[in-house]
Amino acid sequence: MTNKVSTRLEKKEIDELNKICERERIDRSALIRKFLLAQITEYKLKDAGELYRKGLISLTEAATLINVSIYAMMDYVEREKIQPQALTDKEMEVEMKNAKNLFDNIKK
């Protein structure tokens, strides 16, 4: 037996989507795609933010892992008030070198 998931929307939800479509001047399928992609990005930010909070990856690694800019990752961390694990001096040096390399590569 297969569990079938319904993706049907209520009339009031469709009406709301139609209103947004008019404001955005795009069709409903494009709007739904836009919303879905934004939610996927948010999910990835949450996942990477948790790894960062636990100290398993650096902020730079988090951004690279989910293919967003370091600025987008920094904005997310700030918005969610995520505090990283404290770094040792050695770890801080490595992080600074990694960040410098990342920015140098962006300039090229």
Protein backbone atom coordinates (compact mmCIF):
# COMPACT_ATOMS: atom_id res chain seq x y z
CA MET A 1 0.00 0.00 0.00
CA THR A 2 1.39 3.39 -0.99
CA ASN A 3 0.97 6.48 1.14
CA LYS A 4 -0.11 9.20 -1.21
CA VAL A 5 0.51 12.78 -0.16
CA SER A 6 -1.90 15.37 -1.42
CA THR A 7 -0.47 18.68 -2.56
CA ARG A 8 -3.85 20.22 -3.21
CA LEU A 9 -4.45 23.66 -1.78
CA GLU A 10 -7.56 25.08 -0.22
CA LYS A 11 -9.46 27.76 -2.14
CA LYS A 12 -8.37 30.47 0.30
CA GLU A 13 -4.71 29.47 -0.21
CA ILE A 14 -5.11 29.60 -3.97
CA ASP A 15 -6.78 33.01 -3.70
CA GLU A 16 -3.85 34.27 -1.59
CA LEU A 17 -1.35 32.92 -4.12
CA ASN A 18 -3.25 34.63 -6.93
CA LYS A 19 -3.11 37.95 -5.07
CA ILE A 20 0.64 37.58 -4.60
CA CYS A 21 1.02 36.63 -8.29
CA GLU A 22 -0.67 39.86 -9.28
CA ARG A 23 1.63 41.92 -7.04
CA GLU A 24 4.73 40.07 -8.20
CA ARG A 25 3.54 39.97 -11.82
CA ILE A 26 4.46 36.31 -12.26
CA ASP A 27 2.38 33.20 -12.85
CA ARG A 28 1.42 30.86 -10.04
CA SER A 29 3.86 28.09 -10.93
CA ALA A 30 6.76 30.57 -10.95
CA LEU A 31 5.64 31.91 -7.58
CA ILE A 32 5.38 28.45 -6.07
CA ARG A 33 8.84 27.60 -7.43
CA LYS A 34 10.20 30.84 -5.93
CA PHE A 35 8.67 30.00 -2.52
CA LEU A 36 9.91 26.43 -2.65
CA LEU A 37 13.48 27.43 -3.52
CA ALA A 38 13.49 30.04 -0.74
CA GLN A 39 12.34 27.42 1.75
CA ILE A 40 15.01 24.96 0.59
CA THR A 41 17.66 27.65 1.11
CA GLU A 42 16.27 28.41 4.57
CA TYR A 43 16.39 24.70 5.44
CA LYS A 44 20.01 24.47 4.32
CA LEU A 45 20.89 27.60 6.34
CA LYS A 46 19.30 26.04 9.42
CA ASP A 47 21.23 22.80 8.94
CA ALA A 48 24.57 24.54 8.38
CA GLY A 49 23.87 26.97 11.22
CA GLU A 50 23.43 24.07 13.60
CA LEU A 51 26.74 22.52 12.52
CA TYR A 52 28.38 25.91 13.03
CA ARG A 53 26.79 26.34 16.47
CA LYS A 54 28.12 22.92 17.53
CA GLY A 55 31.60 23.93 16.37
CA LEU A 56 31.75 21.18 13.76
CA ILE A 57 32.39 23.59 10.90
CA SER A 58 33.48 27.19 10.53
CA LEU A 59 31.28 29.97 9.22
CA THR A 60 33.19 29.90 5.94
CA GLU A 61 32.75 26.14 5.67
CA ALA A 62 29.04 26.48 6.44
CA ALA A 63 28.58 28.98 3.63
CA THR A 64 30.61 26.87 1.21
CA LEU A 65 28.75 23.70 2.18
CA ILE A 66 25.38 25.10 1.20
CA ASN A 67 26.64 27.31 -1.63
CA VAL A 68 25.65 30.70 -0.23
CA SER A 69 27.77 33.77 0.28
CA ILE A 70 29.59 34.25 3.55
CA TYR A 71 27.43 37.36 3.98
CA ALA A 72 24.20 35.36 3.66
CA MET A 73 25.52 32.89 6.24
CA MET A 74 26.55 35.74 8.55
CA ASP A 75 23.10 37.32 8.20
CA TYR A 76 21.44 34.02 9.08
CA VAL A 77 23.68 33.45 12.11
CA GLU A 78 22.98 36.97 13.33
CA ARG A 79 19.23 36.73 12.70
CA GLU A 80 19.00 33.44 14.58
CA LYS A 81 21.40 34.62 17.30
CA ILE A 82 23.63 31.57 16.83
CA GLN A 83 26.72 31.68 19.00
CA PRO A 84 29.67 29.60 17.80
CA GLN A 85 31.87 27.50 20.01
CA ALA A 86 34.84 29.46 21.35
CA LEU A 87 37.96 29.05 19.21
CA THR A 88 41.48 28.59 20.42
CA ASP A 89 44.12 31.01 19.17
CA LYS A 90 45.38 28.38 16.75
CA GLU A 91 41.89 27.71 15.41
CA MET A 92 41.34 31.45 15.03
CA GLU A 93 44.52 31.74 12.94
CA VAL A 94 43.40 28.91 10.67
CA GLU A 95 39.95 30.49 10.31
CA MET A 96 41.45 33.85 9.39
CA LYS A 97 43.69 32.22 6.74
CA ASN A 98 40.70 30.33 5.30
CA ALA A 99 38.63 33.52 5.13
CA LYS A 100 41.49 35.40 3.46
CA ASN A 101 41.88 32.63 0.87
CA LEU A 102 38.15 32.67 0.20
CA PHE A 103 38.09 36.43 -0.37
CA ASP A 104 41.26 36.29 -2.50
CA ASN A 105 39.61 33.65 -4.71
CA ILE A 106 36.48 35.79 -5.08
CA LYS A 107 38.55 38.74 -6.36
CA LYS A 108 39.99 36.63 -9.21
